[in-house]
Amino acid sequence: MHHHWSDITFIHWRYPAARVQALVPDGLTVETFDGTAWVGLTPFLMEGVRPPGLPALPWLSRFPETNLRTYVRDERGRGGIWFFSLDAGLLPAAVGGRTGYRLPYFWSDMSVEAGDGNLRYRCRRRLPGPGGARCDADVERGEPLAESERDELAHFLTARYRLFTLVAGRPASAQVEHPDWPLHHARLITLEQDLVQAAGLPAPDGRAVVHASPGVPVRVGMWAW
């Protein structure tokens, strides 16, 4: 599938690796940086969604999304993303993500507004399961990171080129291709969320590490073992 991930914010917190590992399936090991696991909340706008060789349909190809994720390695040492949840603002996208990509998608009321350097994200979960979990964030996107500011942590949190899921009870992965993120400084103005808690983790404690980006084109492959 071809996508464009636009107006994205990466919000990350430290977590004890053992606490996160308890929510990750066998065959995958939580990857740590500076001695801790990291859990990321990433709201953004999905645009231009289409299969190869087909045009993007306006009523199906553009919708908000919010992902809750951590970083893992499989038994072959390959690094990638493990999703705790993915909220999509379009019901067919949520259904397709669950059936086609075996990912834990939820259908949610969502919006993304971008203007004058500020980003406004709203998300309230509808289906499946009990509704009401939400993520409301207001972010100030600042200047681009200088090359010297693109440190190892920024790379660890954003340069991810593989997704993991379970297919027939076994870990499977899909490759992701995209250019380097054009990362910007960012500041959380407000954040009210309980998507983290809904996934079975304690509420974030401590200062978040925040980056933002105008976005990149993305291509996601099929699952393989």
N, C-alpha and C. Protein backbone atom coordinates (compact mmCIF):
# COMPACT_ATOMS: atom_id res chain seq x y z
N MET A 1 0.84 -1.20 0.00
CA MET A 1 0.00 0.00 0.00
C MET A 1 0.87 1.25 0.00
N HIS A 2 0.40 2.29 -0.70
CA HIS A 2 1.07 3.57 -0.73
C HIS A 2 0.30 4.56 0.15
N HIS A 3 1.02 5.33 0.94
CA HIS A 3 0.43 6.33 1.83
C HIS A 3 1.27 7.59 1.77
N HIS A 4 0.73 8.66 2.37
CA HIS A 4 1.54 9.81 2.78
C HIS A 4 1.16 10.13 4.21
N TRP A 5 2.14 10.08 5.11
CA TRP A 5 1.89 10.38 6.53
C TRP A 5 2.22 11.85 6.76
N SER A 6 1.20 12.66 7.00
CA SER A 6 1.34 14.12 7.03
C SER A 6 1.08 14.67 8.43
N ASP A 7 1.71 15.82 8.72
CA ASP A 7 1.47 16.57 9.96
C ASP A 7 1.51 15.66 11.18
N ILE A 8 2.60 14.93 11.31
CA ILE A 8 2.75 13.93 12.36
C ILE A 8 3.50 14.50 13.55
N THR A 9 3.12 14.06 14.73
CA THR A 9 3.87 14.37 15.96
C THR A 9 4.23 13.05 16.64
N PHE A 10 5.49 12.95 17.04
CA PHE A 10 5.98 11.79 17.78
C PHE A 10 6.10 12.20 19.25
N ILE A 11 5.31 11.57 20.12
CA ILE A 11 5.33 11.84 21.56
C ILE A 11 5.79 10.57 22.25
N HIS A 12 6.94 10.61 22.91
CA HIS A 12 7.52 9.40 23.49
C HIS A 12 7.80 9.56 24.98
N TRP A 13 7.62 8.45 25.71
CA TRP A 13 7.96 8.38 27.12
C TRP A 13 8.78 7.14 27.41
N ARG A 14 9.59 7.24 28.44
CA ARG A 14 10.34 6.07 28.94
C ARG A 14 9.42 5.16 29.73
N TYR A 15 9.66 3.85 29.63
CA TYR A 15 8.97 2.85 30.44
C TYR A 15 9.96 1.74 30.81
N PRO A 16 9.77 1.12 31.98
CA PRO A 16 10.61 -0.05 32.29
C PRO A 16 10.42 -1.13 31.23
N ALA A 17 11.51 -1.70 30.77
CA ALA A 17 11.44 -2.68 29.69
C ALA A 17 10.58 -3.88 30.08
N ALA A 18 10.68 -4.34 31.33
CA ALA A 18 9.90 -5.50 31.75
C ALA A 18 8.41 -5.21 31.71
N ARG A 19 8.02 -3.99 32.01
CA ARG A 19 6.60 -3.63 32.01
C ARG A 19 6.04 -3.66 30.59
N VAL A 20 6.83 -3.20 29.63
CA VAL A 20 6.39 -3.21 28.24
C VAL A 20 6.46 -4.62 27.65
N GLN A 21 7.50 -5.36 28.01
CA GLN A 21 7.66 -6.71 27.49
C GLN A 21 6.46 -7.59 27.83
N ALA A 22 5.82 -7.35 28.97
CA ALA A 22 4.67 -8.15 29.38
C ALA A 22 3.50 -8.03 28.40
N LEU A 23 3.50 -6.99 27.56
CA LEU A 23 2.42 -6.77 26.60
C LEU A 23 2.82 -7.12 25.16
N VAL A 24 4.03 -7.67 25.01
CA VAL A 24 4.55 -8.01 23.69
C VAL A 24 4.54 -9.54 23.55
N PRO A 25 4.15 -10.08 22.40
CA PRO A 25 4.05 -11.54 22.26
C PRO A 25 5.40 -12.23 22.25
N ASP A 26 5.37 -13.53 22.54
CA ASP A 26 6.57 -14.36 22.44
C ASP A 26 7.14 -14.27 21.03
N GLY A 27 8.45 -14.30 20.96
CA GLY A 27 9.13 -14.19 19.68
C GLY A 27 9.59 -12.78 19.36
N LEU A 28 9.15 -11.81 20.16
CA LEU A 28 9.59 -10.42 20.01
C LEU A 28 10.13 -9.93 21.33
N THR A 29 11.20 -9.17 21.28
CA THR A 29 11.85 -8.63 22.48
C THR A 29 11.88 -7.12 22.40
N VAL A 30 11.46 -6.48 23.48
CA VAL A 30 11.45 -5.02 23.52
C VAL A 30 12.86 -4.49 23.35
N GLU A 31 13.00 -3.52 22.47
CA GLU A 31 14.29 -2.87 22.22
C GLU A 31 14.41 -1.65 23.14
N THR A 32 15.57 -1.48 23.73
CA THR A 32 15.77 -0.38 24.67
C THR A 32 16.78 0.62 24.13
N PHE A 33 16.68 1.82 24.63
CA PHE A 33 17.67 2.87 24.37
C PHE A 33 17.95 3.57 25.68
N ASP A 34 19.22 3.71 26.02
CA ASP A 34 19.61 4.34 27.28
C ASP A 34 18.99 3.63 28.48
N GLY A 35 18.86 2.30 28.36
CA GLY A 35 18.45 1.49 29.49
C GLY A 35 16.97 1.33 29.69
N THR A 36 16.13 1.94 28.84
CA THR A 36 14.69 1.84 29.03
C THR A 36 14.00 1.56 27.70
N ALA A 37 12.78 1.00 27.82
CA ALA A 37 11.90 0.92 26.66
C ALA A 37 11.27 2.28 26.42
N TRP A 38 10.71 2.44 25.23
CA TRP A 38 10.05 3.70 24.87
C TRP A 38 8.69 3.39 24.28
N VAL A 39 7.70 4.14 24.70
CA VAL A 39 6.34 4.01 24.18
C VAL A 39 5.98 5.32 23.49
N GLY A 40 5.47 5.21 22.26
CA GLY A 40 5.20 6.41 21.46
C GLY A 40 3.74 6.54 21.09
N LEU A 41 3.26 7.76 21.16
CA LEU A 41 1.93 8.15 20.70
C LEU A 41 2.14 9.03 19.49
N THR A 42 1.59 8.64 18.33
CA THR A 42 1.89 9.35 17.09
C THR A 42 0.59 9.69 16.34
N PRO A 43 0.02 10.86 16.57
CA PRO A 43 -1.12 11.31 15.77
C PRO A 43 -0.66 11.94 14.47
N PHE A 44 -1.45 11.71 13.40
CA PHE A 44 -1.07 12.26 12.10
C PHE A 44 -2.25 12.17 11.15
N LEU A 45 -2.04 12.64 9.93
CA LEU A 45 -3.04 12.59 8.87
C LEU A 45 -2.56 11.63 7.80
N MET A 46 -3.36 10.62 7.52
CA MET A 46 -3.06 9.66 6.46
C MET A 46 -3.67 10.20 5.16
N GLU A 47 -2.86 10.28 4.11
CA GLU A 47 -3.33 10.80 2.83
C GLU A 47 -2.86 9.91 1.68
N GLY A 48 -3.60 9.97 0.58
CA GLY A 48 -3.18 9.26 -0.63
C GLY A 48 -3.10 7.76 -0.48
N VAL A 49 -3.95 7.17 0.35
CA VAL A 49 -3.89 5.72 0.57
C VAL A 49 -4.41 5.01 -0.67
N ARG A 50 -3.59 4.09 -1.20
CA ARG A 50 -4.01 3.37 -2.41
C ARG A 50 -3.16 2.12 -2.59
N PRO A 51 -3.72 1.10 -3.23
CA PRO A 51 -2.91 -0.05 -3.63
C PRO A 51 -2.04 0.33 -4.83
N PRO A 52 -0.98 -0.43 -5.10
CA PRO A 52 -0.13 -0.14 -6.26
C PRO A 52 -0.93 -0.17 -7.56
N GLY A 53 -0.67 0.80 -8.41
CA GLY A 53 -1.29 0.83 -9.73
C GLY A 53 -2.70 1.37 -9.78
N LEU A 54 -3.25 1.79 -8.63
CA LEU A 54 -4.61 2.32 -8.60
C LEU A 54 -4.60 3.74 -8.07
N PRO A 55 -5.56 4.57 -8.48
CA PRO A 55 -5.61 5.93 -7.96
C PRO A 55 -6.16 5.96 -6.54
N ALA A 56 -5.86 7.03 -5.82
CA ALA A 56 -6.42 7.24 -4.49
C ALA A 56 -7.85 7.74 -4.63
N LEU A 57 -8.79 7.13 -3.91
CA LEU A 57 -10.18 7.55 -3.92
C LEU A 57 -10.40 8.57 -2.82
N PRO A 58 -10.92 9.76 -3.16
CA PRO A 58 -10.99 10.86 -2.18
C PRO A 58 -11.70 10.47 -0.89
N TRP A 59 -12.77 9.67 -0.97
CA TRP A 59 -13.56 9.36 0.22
C TRP A 59 -12.98 8.21 1.04
N LEU A 60 -11.91 7.57 0.54
CA LEU A 60 -11.29 6.45 1.26
C LEU A 60 -9.81 6.67 1.55
N SER A 61 -9.21 7.68 0.94
CA SER A 61 -7.75 7.78 0.97
C SER A 61 -7.21 8.82 1.94
N ARG A 62 -8.08 9.51 2.68
CA ARG A 62 -7.61 10.58 3.56
C ARG A 62 -8.38 10.51 4.88
N PHE A 63 -7.65 10.31 6.00
CA PHE A 63 -8.29 10.20 7.30
C PHE A 63 -7.24 10.38 8.39
N PRO A 64 -7.64 10.81 9.58
CA PRO A 64 -6.72 10.93 10.70
C PRO A 64 -6.41 9.55 11.28
N GLU A 65 -5.26 9.46 11.91
CA GLU A 65 -4.87 8.22 12.57
C GLU A 65 -4.01 8.56 13.79
N THR A 66 -4.12 7.75 14.83
CA THR A 66 -3.28 7.88 16.02
C THR A 66 -2.79 6.50 16.41
N ASN A 67 -1.47 6.32 16.47
CA ASN A 67 -0.88 5.02 16.80
C ASN A 67 -0.23 5.05 18.17
N LEU A 68 -0.35 3.95 18.88
CA LEU A 68 0.37 3.74 20.13
C LEU A 68 1.31 2.57 19.91
N ARG A 69 2.61 2.75 20.16
CA ARG A 69 3.58 1.78 19.70
C ARG A 69 4.78 1.69 20.64
N THR A 70 5.54 0.61 20.45
CA THR A 70 6.85 0.47 21.07
C THR A 70 7.77 -0.16 20.03
N TYR A 71 9.01 -0.44 20.42
CA TYR A 71 10.02 -0.90 19.46
C TYR A 71 10.57 -2.24 19.92
N VAL A 72 10.68 -3.17 18.97
CA VAL A 72 11.02 -4.55 19.29
C VAL A 72 12.01 -5.11 18.28
N ARG A 73 12.57 -6.26 18.63
CA ARG A 73 13.37 -7.05 17.69
C ARG A 73 12.83 -8.47 17.68
N ASP A 74 12.90 -9.09 16.50
CA ASP A 74 12.45 -10.48 16.41
C ASP A 74 13.61 -11.42 16.65
N GLU A 75 13.37 -12.72 16.53
CA GLU A 75 14.40 -13.71 16.84
C GLU A 75 15.54 -13.69 15.84
N ARG A 76 15.35 -13.01 14.71
CA ARG A 76 16.43 -12.85 13.72
C ARG A 76 17.18 -11.54 13.91
N GLY A 77 16.82 -10.78 14.94
CA GLY A 77 17.51 -9.53 15.24
C GLY A 77 17.02 -8.34 14.46
N ARG A 78 15.90 -8.47 13.75
CA ARG A 78 15.38 -7.36 12.95
C ARG A 78 14.54 -6.44 13.82
N GLY A 79 14.82 -5.14 13.76
CA GLY A 79 14.11 -4.17 14.56
C GLY A 79 12.88 -3.64 13.85
N GLY A 80 11.88 -3.21 14.65
CA GLY A 80 10.69 -2.64 14.06
C GLY A 80 9.71 -2.17 15.11
N ILE A 81 8.47 -1.95 14.68
CA ILE A 81 7.42 -1.38 15.52
C ILE A 81 6.44 -2.47 15.91
N TRP A 82 6.05 -2.47 17.20
CA TRP A 82 4.91 -3.25 17.67
C TRP A 82 3.82 -2.27 18.09
N PHE A 83 2.64 -2.42 17.50
CA PHE A 83 1.54 -1.51 17.79
C PHE A 83 0.66 -2.08 18.91
N PHE A 84 0.41 -1.26 19.92
CA PHE A 84 -0.59 -1.60 20.92
C PHE A 84 -1.99 -1.25 20.42
N SER A 85 -2.10 -0.18 19.65
CA SER A 85 -3.39 0.21 19.07
C SER A 85 -3.15 1.18 17.93
N LEU A 86 -4.12 1.22 17.02
CA LEU A 86 -4.14 2.18 15.92
C LEU A 86 -5.58 2.68 15.80
N ASP A 87 -5.81 3.96 16.01
CA ASP A 87 -7.13 4.55 15.87
C ASP A 87 -7.21 5.25 14.53
N ALA A 88 -8.27 4.97 13.78
CA ALA A 88 -8.47 5.57 12.47
C ALA A 88 -9.82 6.27 12.44
N GLY A 89 -9.86 7.40 11.76
CA GLY A 89 -11.07 8.19 11.69
C GLY A 89 -12.01 7.77 10.57
N LEU A 90 -11.76 6.62 9.95
CA LEU A 90 -12.58 6.13 8.85
C LEU A 90 -12.87 4.66 9.10
N LEU A 91 -14.14 4.29 9.15
CA LEU A 91 -14.51 2.91 9.47
C LEU A 91 -13.92 1.89 8.48
N PRO A 92 -14.01 2.09 7.15
CA PRO A 92 -13.41 1.11 6.25
C PRO A 92 -11.91 0.94 6.47
N ALA A 93 -11.21 2.01 6.84
CA ALA A 93 -9.77 1.89 7.11
C ALA A 93 -9.52 1.03 8.34
N ALA A 94 -10.34 1.21 9.38
CA ALA A 94 -10.17 0.41 10.59
C ALA A 94 -10.46 -1.06 10.31
N VAL A 95 -11.54 -1.32 9.57
CA VAL A 95 -11.88 -2.71 9.23
C VAL A 95 -10.80 -3.33 8.35
N GLY A 96 -10.36 -2.58 7.34
CA GLY A 96 -9.32 -3.08 6.46
C GLY A 96 -8.00 -3.33 7.18
N GLY A 97 -7.65 -2.46 8.13
CA GLY A 97 -6.43 -2.65 8.89
C GLY A 97 -6.47 -3.89 9.76
N ARG A 98 -7.64 -4.19 10.31
CA ARG A 98 -7.79 -5.39 11.14
C ARG A 98 -7.78 -6.67 10.29
N THR A 99 -8.49 -6.64 9.17
CA THR A 99 -8.61 -7.86 8.37
C THR A 99 -7.43 -8.05 7.42
N GLY A 100 -6.96 -6.98 6.80
CA GLY A 100 -5.91 -7.11 5.82
C GLY A 100 -4.51 -7.13 6.40
N TYR A 101 -4.28 -6.32 7.45
CA TYR A 101 -2.96 -6.23 8.04
C TYR A 101 -2.86 -6.82 9.44
N ARG A 102 -3.97 -7.38 9.95
CA ARG A 102 -3.97 -8.05 11.26
C ARG A 102 -3.48 -7.12 12.37
N LEU A 103 -3.77 -5.84 12.23
CA LEU A 103 -3.32 -4.86 13.22
C LEU A 103 -4.50 -4.43 14.09
N PRO A 104 -4.23 -4.03 15.35
CA PRO A 104 -5.31 -3.71 16.30
C PRO A 104 -5.91 -2.32 16.05
N TYR A 105 -6.61 -2.19 14.93
CA TYR A 105 -7.23 -0.92 14.57
C TYR A 105 -8.55 -0.72 15.32
N PHE A 106 -8.86 0.54 15.62
CA PHE A 106 -10.12 0.96 16.22
C PHE A 106 -10.70 2.08 15.37
N TRP A 107 -12.01 2.11 15.31
CA TRP A 107 -12.70 3.21 14.63
C TRP A 107 -12.98 4.30 15.66
N SER A 108 -12.57 5.53 15.34
CA SER A 108 -12.67 6.64 16.29
C SER A 108 -13.15 7.91 15.60
N ASP A 109 -13.77 8.78 16.38
CA ASP A 109 -14.03 10.14 15.94
C ASP A 109 -12.73 10.92 16.05
N MET A 110 -12.23 11.45 14.93
CA MET A 110 -10.91 12.06 14.94
C MET A 110 -10.87 13.29 14.04
N SER A 111 -9.89 14.16 14.33
CA SER A 111 -9.63 15.30 13.46
C SER A 111 -8.17 15.72 13.62
N VAL A 112 -7.62 16.29 12.55
CA VAL A 112 -6.28 16.88 12.56
C VAL A 112 -6.40 18.26 11.92
N GLU A 113 -5.94 19.27 12.64
CA GLU A 113 -5.93 20.64 12.11
C GLU A 113 -4.51 21.19 12.20
N ALA A 114 -4.04 21.76 11.11
CA ALA A 114 -2.68 22.30 11.07
C ALA A 114 -2.72 23.72 10.52
N GLY A 115 -2.02 24.64 11.20
CA GLY A 115 -1.96 26.02 10.73
C GLY A 115 -1.13 26.89 11.63
N ASP A 116 -0.36 27.79 11.04
CA ASP A 116 0.45 28.76 11.79
C ASP A 116 1.41 28.07 12.76
N GLY A 117 1.92 26.92 12.34
CA GLY A 117 2.89 26.21 13.18
C GLY A 117 2.28 25.40 14.29
N ASN A 118 0.97 25.42 14.44
CA ASN A 118 0.31 24.66 15.50
C ASN A 118 -0.44 23.48 14.91
N LEU A 119 -0.49 22.39 15.69
CA LEU A 119 -1.18 21.17 15.30
C LEU A 119 -2.19 20.84 16.38
N ARG A 120 -3.41 20.50 15.95
CA ARG A 120 -4.48 20.17 16.89
C ARG A 120 -5.03 18.80 16.53
N TYR A 121 -4.90 17.86 17.44
CA TYR A 121 -5.36 16.49 17.22
C TYR A 121 -6.48 16.17 18.19
N ARG A 122 -7.52 15.51 17.69
CA ARG A 122 -8.61 15.06 18.53
C ARG A 122 -8.96 13.62 18.16
N CYS A 123 -9.14 12.78 19.18
CA CYS A 123 -9.44 11.37 18.95
C CYS A 123 -10.30 10.85 20.10
N ARG A 124 -11.43 10.24 19.78
CA ARG A 124 -12.26 9.57 20.77
C ARG A 124 -12.71 8.24 20.18
N ARG A 125 -12.35 7.15 20.84
CA ARG A 125 -12.58 5.81 20.31
C ARG A 125 -14.06 5.44 20.32
N ARG A 126 -14.48 4.74 19.24
CA ARG A 126 -15.87 4.29 19.11
C ARG A 126 -15.96 2.76 19.17
N LEU A 127 -15.34 2.08 18.21
CA LEU A 127 -15.45 0.62 18.08
C LEU A 127 -14.11 0.04 17.66
N PRO A 128 -13.86 -1.27 17.95
CA PRO A 128 -14.66 -2.20 18.75
C PRO A 128 -14.39 -2.02 20.24
N GLY A 129 -15.17 -2.74 21.04
CA GLY A 129 -15.01 -2.70 22.48
C GLY A 129 -15.58 -1.44 23.07
N PRO A 130 -15.42 -1.27 24.38
CA PRO A 130 -15.95 -0.07 25.04
C PRO A 130 -15.33 1.19 24.44
N GLY A 131 -16.17 2.16 24.13
CA GLY A 131 -15.68 3.41 23.56
C GLY A 131 -15.26 4.38 24.64
N GLY A 132 -14.74 5.53 24.19
CA GLY A 132 -14.44 6.60 25.11
C GLY A 132 -12.98 6.90 25.32
N ALA A 133 -12.08 5.93 25.08
CA ALA A 133 -10.65 6.24 25.19
C ALA A 133 -10.31 7.36 24.21
N ARG A 134 -9.44 8.27 24.62
CA ARG A 134 -9.22 9.45 23.77
C ARG A 134 -7.77 9.91 23.81
N CYS A 135 -7.48 10.79 22.85
CA CYS A 135 -6.21 11.50 22.82
C CYS A 135 -6.46 12.87 22.21
N ASP A 136 -6.41 13.89 23.02
CA ASP A 136 -6.55 15.28 22.58
C ASP A 136 -5.21 15.97 22.81
N ALA A 137 -4.59 16.43 21.74
CA ALA A 137 -3.27 17.03 21.85
C ALA A 137 -3.20 18.31 21.04
N ASP A 138 -2.55 19.31 21.62
CA ASP A 138 -2.22 20.55 20.92
C ASP A 138 -0.71 20.70 20.95
N VAL A 139 -0.12 20.90 19.77
CA VAL A 139 1.33 20.87 19.63
C VAL A 139 1.80 22.10 18.87
N GLU A 140 2.90 22.66 19.32
CA GLU A 140 3.56 23.74 18.59
C GLU A 140 4.75 23.16 17.85
N ARG A 141 4.71 23.24 16.52
CA ARG A 141 5.82 22.74 15.71
C ARG A 141 6.79 23.87 15.44
N GLY A 142 8.05 23.65 15.82
CA GLY A 142 9.05 24.70 15.71
C GLY A 142 9.93 24.54 14.48
N GLU A 143 11.17 25.00 14.61
CA GLU A 143 12.11 25.01 13.50
C GLU A 143 12.61 23.59 13.21
N PRO A 144 13.07 23.35 11.99
CA PRO A 144 13.65 22.04 11.67
C PRO A 144 14.89 21.77 12.54
N LEU A 145 15.09 20.50 12.85
CA LEU A 145 16.29 20.12 13.57
C LEU A 145 17.51 20.33 12.68
N ALA A 146 18.54 20.92 13.24
CA ALA A 146 19.82 20.97 12.54
C ALA A 146 20.39 19.56 12.46
N GLU A 147 21.29 19.35 11.51
CA GLU A 147 21.86 18.02 11.34
C GLU A 147 22.52 17.54 12.63
N SER A 148 23.15 18.45 13.36
CA SER A 148 23.81 18.08 14.61
C SER A 148 22.82 17.70 15.71
N GLU A 149 21.54 18.10 15.54
CA GLU A 149 20.52 17.78 16.53
C GLU A 149 19.81 16.46 16.25
N ARG A 150 20.07 15.88 15.10
CA ARG A 150 19.46 14.57 14.77
C ARG A 150 20.30 13.49 15.44
N ASP A 151 20.11 13.35 16.74
CA ASP A 151 20.95 12.48 17.54
C ASP A 151 20.47 11.03 17.48
N GLU A 152 21.16 10.16 18.23
CA GLU A 152 20.84 8.73 18.20
C GLU A 152 19.44 8.45 18.73
N LEU A 153 18.98 9.22 19.71
CA LEU A 153 17.64 8.99 20.24
C LEU A 153 16.59 9.34 19.20
N ALA A 154 16.73 10.47 18.53
CA ALA A 154 15.77 10.85 17.49
C ALA A 154 15.72 9.78 16.40
N HIS A 155 16.87 9.24 16.03
CA HIS A 155 16.92 8.18 15.02
C HIS A 155 16.21 6.93 15.54
N PHE A 156 16.49 6.54 16.77
CA PHE A 156 15.89 5.35 17.37
C PHE A 156 14.37 5.45 17.39
N LEU A 157 13.83 6.62 17.70
CA LEU A 157 12.39 6.78 17.88
C LEU A 157 11.63 6.96 16.58
N THR A 158 12.28 7.36 15.51
CA THR A 158 11.55 7.71 14.29
C THR A 158 11.96 6.93 13.05
N ALA A 159 13.19 6.44 12.99
CA ALA A 159 13.67 5.75 11.78
C ALA A 159 13.35 4.27 11.89
N ARG A 160 12.11 3.91 11.56
CA ARG A 160 11.63 2.54 11.71
C ARG A 160 11.10 2.05 10.37
N TYR A 161 11.60 0.89 9.93
CA TYR A 161 11.31 0.43 8.58
C TYR A 161 10.74 -0.99 8.55
N ARG A 162 10.11 -1.38 9.65
CA ARG A 162 9.48 -2.69 9.71
C ARG A 162 8.34 -2.64 10.72
N LEU A 163 7.21 -3.28 10.38
CA LEU A 163 6.08 -3.44 11.28
C LEU A 163 5.97 -4.91 11.66
N PHE A 164 5.55 -5.19 12.89
CA PHE A 164 5.32 -6.55 13.33
C PHE A 164 3.86 -6.74 13.72
N THR A 165 3.36 -7.96 13.51
CA THR A 165 2.05 -8.36 13.99
C THR A 165 2.07 -9.86 14.22
N LEU A 166 0.93 -10.44 14.58
CA LEU A 166 0.78 -11.88 14.69
C LEU A 166 -0.13 -12.37 13.58
N VAL A 167 0.31 -13.38 12.86
CA VAL A 167 -0.49 -14.05 11.85
C VAL A 167 -0.51 -15.53 12.19
N ALA A 168 -1.69 -16.07 12.46
CA ALA A 168 -1.84 -17.46 12.88
C ALA A 168 -0.99 -17.74 14.12
N GLY A 169 -0.92 -16.76 15.01
CA GLY A 169 -0.20 -16.93 16.26
C GLY A 169 1.30 -16.80 16.16
N ARG A 170 1.82 -16.47 15.00
CA ARG A 170 3.27 -16.34 14.81
C ARG A 170 3.62 -14.91 14.43
N PRO A 171 4.75 -14.39 14.94
CA PRO A 171 5.16 -13.04 14.52
C PRO A 171 5.43 -12.98 13.02
N ALA A 172 4.88 -11.98 12.37
CA ALA A 172 5.14 -11.70 10.96
C ALA A 172 5.52 -10.24 10.84
N SER A 173 6.18 -9.88 9.74
CA SER A 173 6.63 -8.50 9.58
C SER A 173 6.36 -8.02 8.17
N ALA A 174 6.23 -6.71 8.05
CA ALA A 174 6.09 -6.05 6.75
C ALA A 174 7.11 -4.93 6.68
N GLN A 175 7.77 -4.81 5.56
CA GLN A 175 8.76 -3.75 5.38
C GLN A 175 8.07 -2.43 5.05
N VAL A 176 8.69 -1.35 5.53
CA VAL A 176 8.20 0.00 5.30
C VAL A 176 9.31 0.80 4.63
N GLU A 177 8.98 1.51 3.57
CA GLU A 177 9.96 2.34 2.88
C GLU A 177 9.50 3.79 2.90
N HIS A 178 10.40 4.67 3.30
CA HIS A 178 10.12 6.11 3.23
C HIS A 178 11.42 6.88 3.35
N PRO A 179 11.46 8.12 2.89
CA PRO A 179 12.66 8.96 3.07
C PRO A 179 12.87 9.27 4.55
N ASP A 180 14.03 9.81 4.87
CA ASP A 180 14.28 10.28 6.24
C ASP A 180 13.22 11.32 6.62
N TRP A 181 12.74 11.22 7.86
CA TRP A 181 11.78 12.21 8.34
C TRP A 181 12.42 13.60 8.39
N PRO A 182 11.79 14.63 7.83
CA PRO A 182 12.23 16.01 8.08
C PRO A 182 11.74 16.45 9.46
N LEU A 183 12.54 16.19 10.48
CA LEU A 183 12.10 16.40 11.86
C LEU A 183 12.21 17.87 12.28
N HIS A 184 11.24 18.28 13.09
CA HIS A 184 11.20 19.63 13.65
C HIS A 184 11.18 19.54 15.18
N HIS A 185 11.67 20.59 15.81
CA HIS A 185 11.42 20.76 17.24
C HIS A 185 9.92 20.85 17.46
N ALA A 186 9.45 20.41 18.61
CA ALA A 186 8.02 20.48 18.91
C ALA A 186 7.83 20.60 20.41
N ARG A 187 6.71 21.21 20.77
CA ARG A 187 6.37 21.40 22.19
C ARG A 187 4.91 21.05 22.40
N LEU A 188 4.68 20.22 23.43
CA LEU A 188 3.30 19.91 23.79
C LEU A 188 2.69 21.10 24.52
N ILE A 189 1.61 21.63 23.98
CA ILE A 189 0.88 22.70 24.65
C ILE A 189 -0.09 22.08 25.66
N THR A 190 -0.89 21.13 25.19
CA THR A 190 -1.78 20.37 26.07
C THR A 190 -1.83 18.93 25.58
N LEU A 191 -2.03 18.01 26.50
CA LEU A 191 -2.25 16.61 26.16
C LEU A 191 -3.17 15.99 27.20
N GLU A 192 -4.30 15.50 26.74
CA GLU A 192 -5.21 14.73 27.58
C GLU A 192 -5.47 13.42 26.85
N GLN A 193 -5.05 12.31 27.46
CA GLN A 193 -5.15 11.04 26.77
C GLN A 193 -5.29 9.90 27.77
N ASP A 194 -5.94 8.83 27.32
CA ASP A 194 -5.90 7.58 28.08
C ASP A 194 -5.79 6.38 27.15
N LEU A 195 -5.29 6.59 25.93
CA LEU A 195 -5.01 5.47 25.04
C LEU A 195 -3.91 4.59 25.61
N VAL A 196 -2.93 5.20 26.28
CA VAL A 196 -1.85 4.43 26.89
C VAL A 196 -2.42 3.49 27.95
N GLN A 197 -3.26 4.02 28.82
CA GLN A 197 -3.84 3.21 29.88
C GLN A 197 -4.77 2.14 29.31
N ALA A 198 -5.50 2.46 28.23
CA ALA A 198 -6.40 1.49 27.61
C ALA A 198 -5.63 0.30 27.05
N ALA A 199 -4.36 0.49 26.73
CA ALA A 199 -3.53 -0.59 26.20
C ALA A 199 -2.95 -1.47 27.31
N GLY A 200 -3.15 -1.08 28.57
CA GLY A 200 -2.66 -1.89 29.68
C GLY A 200 -1.40 -1.38 30.33
N LEU A 201 -0.97 -0.19 29.97
CA LEU A 201 0.21 0.43 30.57
C LEU A 201 -0.21 1.48 31.59
N PRO A 202 0.63 1.75 32.58
CA PRO A 202 0.33 2.86 33.48
C PRO A 202 0.42 4.19 32.74
N ALA A 203 -0.24 5.20 33.28
CA ALA A 203 -0.18 6.53 32.67
C ALA A 203 1.26 7.00 32.57
N PRO A 204 1.63 7.71 31.51
CA PRO A 204 3.00 8.20 31.37
C PRO A 204 3.41 9.05 32.56
N ASP A 205 4.67 8.88 32.95
CA ASP A 205 5.22 9.62 34.08
C ASP A 205 6.54 10.24 33.63
N GLY A 206 6.65 11.52 33.74
CA GLY A 206 7.88 12.19 33.32
C GLY A 206 7.69 12.95 32.04
N ARG A 207 8.71 13.68 31.68
CA ARG A 207 8.65 14.57 30.52
C ARG A 207 8.68 13.77 29.22
N ALA A 208 7.82 14.14 28.31
CA ALA A 208 7.79 13.49 27.00
C ALA A 208 8.90 14.05 26.11
N VAL A 209 9.42 13.19 25.23
CA VAL A 209 10.31 13.60 24.15
C VAL A 209 9.44 13.78 22.92
N VAL A 210 9.46 14.98 22.32
CA VAL A 210 8.50 15.32 21.26
C VAL A 210 9.25 15.79 20.01
N HIS A 211 8.89 15.20 18.89
CA HIS A 211 9.33 15.65 17.58
C HIS A 211 8.10 15.80 16.69
N ALA A 212 8.21 16.61 15.66
CA ALA A 212 7.13 16.76 14.69
C ALA A 212 7.72 16.76 13.29
N SER A 213 6.84 16.48 12.31
CA SER A 213 7.30 16.47 10.92
C SER A 213 6.15 16.80 9.99
N PRO A 214 6.42 17.54 8.90
CA PRO A 214 5.38 17.76 7.89
C PRO A 214 4.94 16.46 7.24
N GLY A 215 5.83 15.45 7.20
CA GLY A 215 5.44 14.15 6.69
C GLY A 215 6.33 13.63 5.58
N VAL A 216 6.07 12.38 5.19
CA VAL A 216 6.82 11.70 4.14
C VAL A 216 5.89 10.76 3.37
N PRO A 217 6.22 10.44 2.10
CA PRO A 217 5.52 9.37 1.40
C PRO A 217 6.01 8.02 1.92
N VAL A 218 5.11 7.04 1.97
CA VAL A 218 5.40 5.75 2.59
C VAL A 218 4.87 4.64 1.70
N ARG A 219 5.60 3.54 1.67
CA ARG A 219 5.13 2.32 1.02
C ARG A 219 5.27 1.17 2.01
N VAL A 220 4.17 0.43 2.23
CA VAL A 220 4.16 -0.69 3.18
C VAL A 220 3.94 -1.98 2.40
N GLY A 221 4.82 -2.96 2.63
CA GLY A 221 4.73 -4.24 1.93
C GLY A 221 3.75 -5.19 2.59
N MET A 222 3.72 -6.42 2.09
CA MET A 222 2.87 -7.46 2.62
C MET A 222 3.57 -8.20 3.76
N TRP A 223 2.77 -8.88 4.58
CA TRP A 223 3.35 -9.63 5.69
C TRP A 223 4.15 -10.82 5.17
N ALA A 224 5.24 -11.11 5.88
CA ALA A 224 6.07 -12.27 5.56
C ALA A 224 6.71 -12.77 6.84
N TRP A 225 7.10 -14.01 6.87
CA TRP A 225 7.80 -14.56 8.03
C TRP A 225 9.29 -14.54 7.81
